[in-house]
């Protein structure tokens, strides 16, 4: 069975909401911003000591539960 045949089979099992979400995901593939990020070259610059320290601090905050939800962070910009 080809990939397209398998996809057609699976599409038939989707609910209407799942189908709508799948369409949004497929449409997003053509978004110019998504394409730009997808096709961007890999960042091969060396990590600086300052970046290493910032990543370690962020990981420590995450491990300690010092985080805020996206909704809470977005409220700060309203």
PDB file of N, CA and C in Angstrom:
ATOM      1  N   UNK A   1       0.846  -1.167   0.000  1.00  0.00           N
ATOM      2  CA  UNK A   1       0.000   0.000   0.000  1.00  0.00           C
ATOM      3  C   UNK A   1       0.904   1.248   0.000  1.00  0.00           C
ATOM      4  N   UNK A   2       0.596   2.200  -0.853  1.00  0.00           N
ATOM      5  CA  UNK A   2       1.414   3.404  -0.946  1.00  0.00           C
ATOM      6  C   UNK A   2       1.117   4.343   0.226  1.00  0.00           C
ATOM      7  N   UNK A   3       1.985   5.308   0.405  1.00  0.00           N
ATOM      8  CA  UNK A   3       1.788   6.293   1.470  1.00  0.00           C
ATOM      9  C   UNK A   3       0.493   7.063   1.251  1.00  0.00           C
ATOM     10  N   UNK A   4       0.192   7.416   0.014  1.00  0.00           N
ATOM     11  CA  UNK A   4      -1.041   8.151  -0.267  1.00  0.00           C
ATOM     12  C   UNK A   4      -2.272   7.299   0.031  1.00  0.00           C
ATOM     13  N   UNK A   5      -2.202   6.014  -0.264  1.00  0.00           N
ATOM     14  CA  UNK A   5      -3.323   5.124   0.040  1.00  0.00           C
ATOM     15  C   UNK A   5      -3.522   5.011   1.551  1.00  0.00           C
ATOM     16  N   UNK A   6      -2.416   4.891   2.283  1.00  0.00           N
ATOM     17  CA  UNK A   6      -2.500   4.823   3.740  1.00  0.00           C
ATOM     18  C   UNK A   6      -3.083   6.118   4.293  1.00  0.00           C
ATOM     19  N   UNK A   7      -2.670   7.233   3.728  1.00  0.00           N
ATOM     20  CA  UNK A   7      -3.182   8.522   4.179  1.00  0.00           C
ATOM     21  C   UNK A   7      -4.682   8.635   3.928  1.00  0.00           C
ATOM     22  N   UNK A   8      -5.131   8.209   2.743  1.00  0.00           N
ATOM     23  CA  UNK A   8      -6.567   8.250   2.438  1.00  0.00           C
ATOM     24  C   UNK A   8      -7.364   7.418   3.440  1.00  0.00           C
ATOM     25  N   UNK A   9      -6.841   6.254   3.798  1.00  0.00           N
ATOM     26  CA  UNK A   9      -7.502   5.391   4.771  1.00  0.00           C
ATOM     27  C   UNK A   9      -7.619   6.092   6.122  1.00  0.00           C
ATOM     28  N   UNK A  10      -6.544   6.696   6.541  1.00  0.00           N
ATOM     29  CA  UNK A  10      -6.547   7.353   7.847  1.00  0.00           C
ATOM     30  C   UNK A  10      -7.440   8.580   7.856  1.00  0.00           C
ATOM     31  N   UNK A  11      -7.502   9.305   6.751  1.00  0.00           N
ATOM     32  CA  UNK A  11      -8.353  10.487   6.669  1.00  0.00           C
ATOM     33  C   UNK A  11      -9.800  10.098   6.934  1.00  0.00           C
ATOM     34  N   UNK A  12     -10.212   8.963   6.442  1.00  0.00           N
ATOM     35  CA  UNK A  12     -11.598   8.523   6.626  1.00  0.00           C
ATOM     36  C   UNK A  12     -11.945   8.262   8.085  1.00  0.00           C
ATOM     37  N   UNK A  13     -10.946   8.037   8.933  1.00  0.00           N
ATOM     38  CA  UNK A  13     -11.222   7.759  10.342  1.00  0.00           C
ATOM     39  C   UNK A  13     -11.231   9.023  11.195  1.00  0.00           C
ATOM     40  N   UNK A  14     -10.853  10.170  10.635  1.00  0.00           N
ATOM     41  CA  UNK A  14     -10.781  11.414  11.402  1.00  0.00           C
ATOM     42  C   UNK A  14     -12.167  11.968  11.703  1.00  0.00           C
ATOM     43  N   UNK A  15     -12.283  12.576  12.878  1.00  0.00           N
ATOM     44  CA  UNK A  15     -13.501  13.324  13.167  1.00  0.00           C
ATOM     45  C   UNK A  15     -13.425  14.634  12.372  1.00  0.00           C
ATOM     46  N   UNK A  16     -14.514  15.370  12.335  1.00  0.00           N
ATOM     47  CA  UNK A  16     -14.514  16.651  11.613  1.00  0.00           C
ATOM     48  C   UNK A  16     -13.511  17.621  12.235  1.00  0.00           C
ATOM     49  N   UNK A  17     -13.427  17.651  13.559  1.00  0.00           N
ATOM     50  CA  UNK A  17     -12.461  18.527  14.232  1.00  0.00           C
ATOM     51  C   UNK A  17     -11.021  18.117  13.912  1.00  0.00           C
ATOM     52  N   UNK A  18     -10.769  16.814  13.918  1.00  0.00           N
ATOM     53  CA  UNK A  18      -9.427  16.331  13.590  1.00  0.00           C
ATOM     54  C   UNK A  18      -9.069  16.659  12.141  1.00  0.00           C
ATOM     55  N   UNK A  19     -10.038  16.542  11.256  1.00  0.00           N
ATOM     56  CA  UNK A  19      -9.799  16.869   9.847  1.00  0.00           C
ATOM     57  C   UNK A  19      -9.482  18.353   9.691  1.00  0.00           C
ATOM     58  N   UNK A  20     -10.207  19.201  10.413  1.00  0.00           N
ATOM     59  CA  UNK A  20      -9.955  20.638  10.345  1.00  0.00           C
ATOM     60  C   UNK A  20      -8.552  20.968  10.845  1.00  0.00           C
ATOM     61  N   UNK A  21      -8.147  20.344  11.938  1.00  0.00           N
ATOM     62  CA  UNK A  21      -6.805  20.573  12.474  1.00  0.00           C
ATOM     63  C   UNK A  21      -5.742  20.073  11.493  1.00  0.00           C
ATOM     64  N   UNK A  22      -5.995  18.941  10.879  1.00  0.00           N
ATOM     65  CA  UNK A  22      -5.053  18.408   9.893  1.00  0.00           C
ATOM     66  C   UNK A  22      -4.913  19.358   8.715  1.00  0.00           C
ATOM     67  N   UNK A  23      -6.016  19.923   8.274  1.00  0.00           N
ATOM     68  CA  UNK A  23      -5.953  20.909   7.184  1.00  0.00           C
ATOM     69  C   UNK A  23      -5.129  22.123   7.590  1.00  0.00           C
ATOM     70  N   UNK A  24      -5.311  22.588   8.833  1.00  0.00           N
ATOM     71  CA  UNK A  24      -4.519  23.729   9.309  1.00  0.00           C
ATOM     72  C   UNK A  24      -3.032  23.391   9.296  1.00  0.00           C
ATOM     73  N   UNK A  25      -2.693  22.177   9.724  1.00  0.00           N
ATOM     74  CA  UNK A  25      -1.288  21.770   9.724  1.00  0.00           C
ATOM     75  C   UNK A  25      -0.727  21.695   8.307  1.00  0.00           C
ATOM     76  N   UNK A  26      -1.505  21.159   7.391  1.00  0.00           N
ATOM     77  CA  UNK A  26      -1.048  21.075   6.006  1.00  0.00           C
ATOM     78  C   UNK A  26      -0.892  22.462   5.391  1.00  0.00           C
ATOM     79  N   UNK A  27      -1.835  23.346   5.680  1.00  0.00           N
ATOM     80  CA  UNK A  27      -1.746  24.708   5.157  1.00  0.00           C
ATOM     81  C   UNK A  27      -0.535  25.440   5.723  1.00  0.00           C
ATOM     82  N   UNK A  28      -0.210  25.160   6.965  1.00  0.00           N
ATOM     83  CA  UNK A  28       0.924  25.819   7.612  1.00  0.00           C
ATOM     84  C   UNK A  28       2.239  25.502   6.898  1.00  0.00           C
ATOM     85  N   UNK A  29       2.304  24.342   6.244  1.00  0.00           N
ATOM     86  CA  UNK A  29       3.525  23.959   5.531  1.00  0.00           C
ATOM     87  C   UNK A  29       3.893  24.961   4.453  1.00  0.00           C
ATOM     88  N   UNK A  30       2.895  25.677   3.910  1.00  0.00           N
ATOM     89  CA  UNK A  30       3.143  26.642   2.845  1.00  0.00           C
ATOM     90  C   UNK A  30       3.372  28.053   3.383  1.00  0.00           C
ATOM     91  N   UNK A  31       3.228  28.247   4.686  1.00  0.00           N
ATOM     92  CA  UNK A  31       3.424  29.569   5.284  1.00  0.00           C
ATOM     93  C   UNK A  31       4.873  30.012   5.034  1.00  0.00           C
ATOM     94  N   UNK A  32       5.074  31.221   4.505  1.00  0.00           N
ATOM     95  CA  UNK A  32       6.440  31.676   4.184  1.00  0.00           C
ATOM     96  C   UNK A  32       7.378  31.671   5.392  1.00  0.00           C
ATOM     97  N   UNK A  33       6.867  31.986   6.558  1.00  0.00           N
ATOM     98  CA  UNK A  33       7.720  31.980   7.746  1.00  0.00           C
ATOM     99  C   UNK A  33       8.151  30.567   8.100  1.00  0.00           C
ATOM    100  N   UNK A  34       7.214  29.627   8.022  1.00  0.00           N
ATOM    101  CA  UNK A  34       7.542  28.226   8.305  1.00  0.00           C
ATOM    102  C   UNK A  34       8.562  27.719   7.288  1.00  0.00           C
ATOM    103  N   UNK A  35       8.352  28.070   6.030  1.00  0.00           N
ATOM    104  CA  UNK A  35       9.286  27.657   4.976  1.00  0.00           C
ATOM    105  C   UNK A  35      10.672  28.232   5.239  1.00  0.00           C
ATOM    106  N   UNK A  36      10.734  29.508   5.637  1.00  0.00           N
ATOM    107  CA  UNK A  36      12.027  30.143   5.904  1.00  0.00           C
ATOM    108  C   UNK A  36      12.765  29.436   7.027  1.00  0.00           C
ATOM    109  N   UNK A  37      12.058  29.106   8.110  1.00  0.00           N
ATOM    110  CA  UNK A  37      12.712  28.399   9.216  1.00  0.00           C
ATOM    111  C   UNK A  37      13.107  26.985   8.812  1.00  0.00           C
ATOM    112  N   UNK A  38      12.232  26.323   8.069  1.00  0.00           N
ATOM    113  CA  UNK A  38      12.513  24.948   7.653  1.00  0.00           C
ATOM    114  C   UNK A  38      13.744  24.883   6.760  1.00  0.00           C
ATOM    115  N   UNK A  39      13.885  25.876   5.900  1.00  0.00           N
ATOM    116  CA  UNK A  39      14.975  25.865   4.931  1.00  0.00           C
ATOM    117  C   UNK A  39      16.216  26.619   5.396  1.00  0.00           C
ATOM    118  N   UNK A  40      16.170  27.178   6.596  1.00  0.00           N
ATOM    119  CA  UNK A  40      17.315  27.943   7.098  1.00  0.00           C
ATOM    120  C   UNK A  40      18.493  27.010   7.353  1.00  0.00           C
ATOM    121  N   UNK A  41      19.691  27.515   7.128  1.00  0.00           N
ATOM    122  CA  UNK A  41      20.864  26.671   7.411  1.00  0.00           C
ATOM    123  C   UNK A  41      20.989  26.426   8.909  1.00  0.00           C
ATOM    124  N   UNK A  42      21.592  25.324   9.261  1.00  0.00           N
ATOM    125  CA  UNK A  42      21.821  24.986  10.663  1.00  0.00           C
ATOM    126  C   UNK A  42      22.809  25.978  11.250  1.00  0.00           C
ATOM    127  N   UNK A  43      22.518  26.454  12.448  1.00  0.00           N
ATOM    128  CA  UNK A  43      23.411  27.383  13.136  1.00  0.00           C
ATOM    129  C   UNK A  43      24.637  26.611  13.603  1.00  0.00           C
ATOM    130  N   UNK A  44      25.753  26.885  12.981  1.00  0.00           N
ATOM    131  CA  UNK A  44      26.976  26.168  13.340  1.00  0.00           C
ATOM    132  C   UNK A  44      27.973  27.071  14.068  1.00  0.00           C
ATOM    133  N   UNK A  45      27.479  28.216  14.568  1.00  0.00           N
ATOM    134  CA  UNK A  45      28.335  29.101  15.345  1.00  0.00           C
ATOM    135  C   UNK A  45      28.621  28.458  16.697  1.00  0.00           C
ATOM    136  N   UNK A  46      29.839  28.626  17.199  1.00  0.00           N
ATOM    137  CA  UNK A  46      30.138  28.070  18.520  1.00  0.00           C
ATOM    138  C   UNK A  46      29.330  28.783  19.602  1.00  0.00           C
ATOM    139  N   UNK A  47      28.995  28.044  20.640  1.00  0.00           N
ATOM    140  CA  UNK A  47      28.257  28.596  21.771  1.00  0.00           C
ATOM    141  C   UNK A  47      29.247  29.354  22.651  1.00  0.00           C
ATOM    142  N   UNK A  48      28.880  30.589  23.009  1.00  0.00           N
ATOM    143  CA  UNK A  48      29.760  31.410  23.851  1.00  0.00           C
ATOM    144  C   UNK A  48      29.586  31.037  25.312  1.00  0.00           C
ATOM    145  N   UNK A  49      30.558  31.389  26.145  1.00  0.00           N
ATOM    146  CA  UNK A  49      30.406  31.129  27.583  1.00  0.00           C
ATOM    147  C   UNK A  49      29.156  31.808  28.166  1.00  0.00           C
ATOM    148  N   UNK A  50      28.824  32.985  27.669  1.00  0.00           N
ATOM    149  CA  UNK A  50      27.627  33.680  28.154  1.00  0.00           C
ATOM    150  C   UNK A  50      26.363  32.893  27.798  1.00  0.00           C
ATOM    151  N   UNK A  51      26.334  32.340  26.594  1.00  0.00           N
ATOM    152  CA  UNK A  51      25.181  31.531  26.175  1.00  0.00           C
ATOM    153  C   UNK A  51      25.092  30.255  27.006  1.00  0.00           C
ATOM    154  N   UNK A  52      26.229  29.638  27.266  1.00  0.00           N
ATOM    155  CA  UNK A  52      26.261  28.436  28.109  1.00  0.00           C
ATOM    156  C   UNK A  52      25.681  28.746  29.489  1.00  0.00           C
ATOM    157  N   UNK A  53      26.086  29.893  30.067  1.00  0.00           N
ATOM    158  CA  UNK A  53      25.603  30.283  31.391  1.00  0.00           C
ATOM    159  C   UNK A  53      24.097  30.541  31.357  1.00  0.00           C
ATOM    160  N   UNK A  54      23.618  31.199  30.312  1.00  0.00           N
ATOM    161  CA  UNK A  54      22.187  31.481  30.193  1.00  0.00           C
ATOM    162  C   UNK A  54      21.389  30.186  30.058  1.00  0.00           C
ATOM    163  N   UNK A  55      21.899  29.230  29.281  1.00  0.00           N
ATOM    164  CA  UNK A  55      21.202  27.951  29.136  1.00  0.00           C
ATOM    165  C   UNK A  55      21.186  27.179  30.446  1.00  0.00           C
ATOM    166  N   UNK A  56      22.292  27.220  31.183  1.00  0.00           N
ATOM    167  CA  UNK A  56      22.346  26.527  32.476  1.00  0.00           C
ATOM    168  C   UNK A  56      21.349  27.152  33.446  1.00  0.00           C
ATOM    169  N   UNK A  57      21.261  28.487  33.440  1.00  0.00           N
ATOM    170  CA  UNK A  57      20.307  29.173  34.314  1.00  0.00           C
ATOM    171  C   UNK A  57      18.869  28.812  33.936  1.00  0.00           C
ATOM    172  N   UNK A  58      18.583  28.793  32.645  1.00  0.00           N
ATOM    173  CA  UNK A  58      17.237  28.447  32.184  1.00  0.00           C
ATOM    174  C   UNK A  58      16.889  27.016  32.560  1.00  0.00           C
ATOM    175  N   UNK A  59      17.829  26.094  32.389  1.00  0.00           N
ATOM    176  CA  UNK A  59      17.577  24.692  32.753  1.00  0.00           C
ATOM    177  C   UNK A  59      17.363  24.538  34.247  1.00  0.00           C
ATOM    178  N   UNK A  60      18.099  25.294  35.056  1.00  0.00           N
ATOM    179  CA  UNK A  60      17.916  25.243  36.510  1.00  0.00           C
ATOM    180  C   UNK A  60      16.539  25.777  36.892  1.00  0.00           C
ATOM    181  N   UNK A  61      16.112  26.877  36.251  1.00  0.00           N
ATOM    182  CA  UNK A  61      14.779  27.422  36.515  1.00  0.00           C
ATOM    183  C   UNK A  61      13.704  26.410  36.147  1.00  0.00           C
ATOM    184  N   UNK A  62      13.870  25.777  34.999  1.00  0.00           N
ATOM    185  CA  UNK A  62      12.899  24.774  34.556  1.00  0.00           C
ATOM    186  C   UNK A  62      12.830  23.611  35.542  1.00  0.00           C
ATOM    187  N   UNK A  63      13.988  23.113  35.958  1.00  0.00           N
ATOM    188  CA  UNK A  63      14.033  21.991  36.899  1.00  0.00           C
ATOM    189  C   UNK A  63      13.416  22.347  38.241  1.00  0.00           C
ATOM    190  N   UNK A  64      13.547  23.618  38.648  1.00  0.00           N
ATOM    191  CA  UNK A  64      13.013  24.059  39.938  1.00  0.00           C
ATOM    192  C   UNK A  64      11.552  24.483  39.851  1.00  0.00           C
ATOM    193  N   UNK A  65      10.997  24.428  38.645  1.00  0.00           N
ATOM    194  CA  UNK A  65       9.598  24.793  38.488  1.00  0.00           C
ATOM    195  C   UNK A  65       9.348  26.289  38.425  1.00  0.00           C
ATOM    196  N   UNK A  66      10.398  27.056  38.216  1.00  0.00           N
ATOM    197  CA  UNK A  66      10.242  28.512  38.131  1.00  0.00           C
ATOM    198  C   UNK A  66       9.888  28.885  36.683  1.00  0.00           C
ATOM    199  N   UNK A  67       8.638  28.617  36.332  1.00  0.00           N
ATOM    200  CA  UNK A  67       8.166  28.883  34.979  1.00  0.00           C
ATOM    201  C   UNK A  67       6.816  29.576  35.046  1.00  0.00           C
ATOM    202  N   UNK A  68       6.407  30.154  33.928  1.00  0.00           N
ATOM    203  CA  UNK A  68       5.063  30.732  33.804  1.00  0.00           C
ATOM    204  C   UNK A  68       4.438  30.156  32.543  1.00  0.00           C
ATOM    205  N   UNK A  69       3.128  30.087  32.537  1.00  0.00           N
ATOM    206  CA  UNK A  69       2.429  29.570  31.364  1.00  0.00           C
ATOM    207  C   UNK A  69       2.487  30.609  30.244  1.00  0.00           C
ATOM    208  N   UNK A  70       2.253  30.165  29.033  1.00  0.00           N
ATOM    209  CA  UNK A  70       2.202  31.082  27.902  1.00  0.00           C
ATOM    210  C   UNK A  70       1.108  32.115  28.114  1.00  0.00           C
ATOM    211  N   UNK A  71      -0.030  31.680  28.629  1.00  0.00           N
ATOM    212  CA  UNK A  71      -1.143  32.597  28.861  1.00  0.00           C
ATOM    213  C   UNK A  71      -0.744  33.693  29.841  1.00  0.00           C
ATOM    214  N   UNK A  72      -0.048  33.327  30.898  1.00  0.00           N
ATOM    215  CA  UNK A  72       0.387  34.314  31.882  1.00  0.00           C
ATOM    216  C   UNK A  72       1.401  35.288  31.270  1.00  0.00           C
ATOM    217  N   UNK A  73       2.317  34.769  30.501  1.00  0.00           N
ATOM    218  CA  UNK A  73       3.305  35.635  29.858  1.00  0.00           C
ATOM    219  C   UNK A  73       2.629  36.582  28.863  1.00  0.00           C
ATOM    220  N   UNK A  74       1.641  36.092  28.128  1.00  0.00           N
ATOM    221  CA  UNK A  74       0.948  36.933  27.147  1.00  0.00           C
ATOM    222  C   UNK A  74       0.140  38.043  27.824  1.00  0.00           C
ATOM    223  N   UNK A  75      -0.375  37.777  29.032  1.00  0.00           N
ATOM    224  CA  UNK A  75      -1.115  38.806  29.754  1.00  0.00           C
ATOM    225  C   UNK A  75      -0.237  40.015  30.056  1.00  0.00           C
ATOM    226  N   UNK A  76       1.050  39.800  30.219  1.00  0.00           N
ATOM    227  CA  UNK A  76       1.964  40.914  30.496  1.00  0.00           C
ATOM    228  C   UNK A  76       2.047  41.871  29.302  1.00  0.00           C
ATOM    229  N   UNK A  77       1.718  41.405  28.108  1.00  0.00           N
ATOM    230  CA  UNK A  77       1.821  42.228  26.906  1.00  0.00           C
ATOM    231  C   UNK A  77       0.497  42.865  26.508  1.00  0.00           C
ATOM    232  N   UNK A  78      -0.555  42.613  27.259  1.00  0.00           N
ATOM    233  CA  UNK A  78      -1.869  43.171  26.925  1.00  0.00           C
ATOM    234  C   UNK A  78      -1.950  44.622  27.323  1.00  0.00           C
TER     235      UNK A  78
END
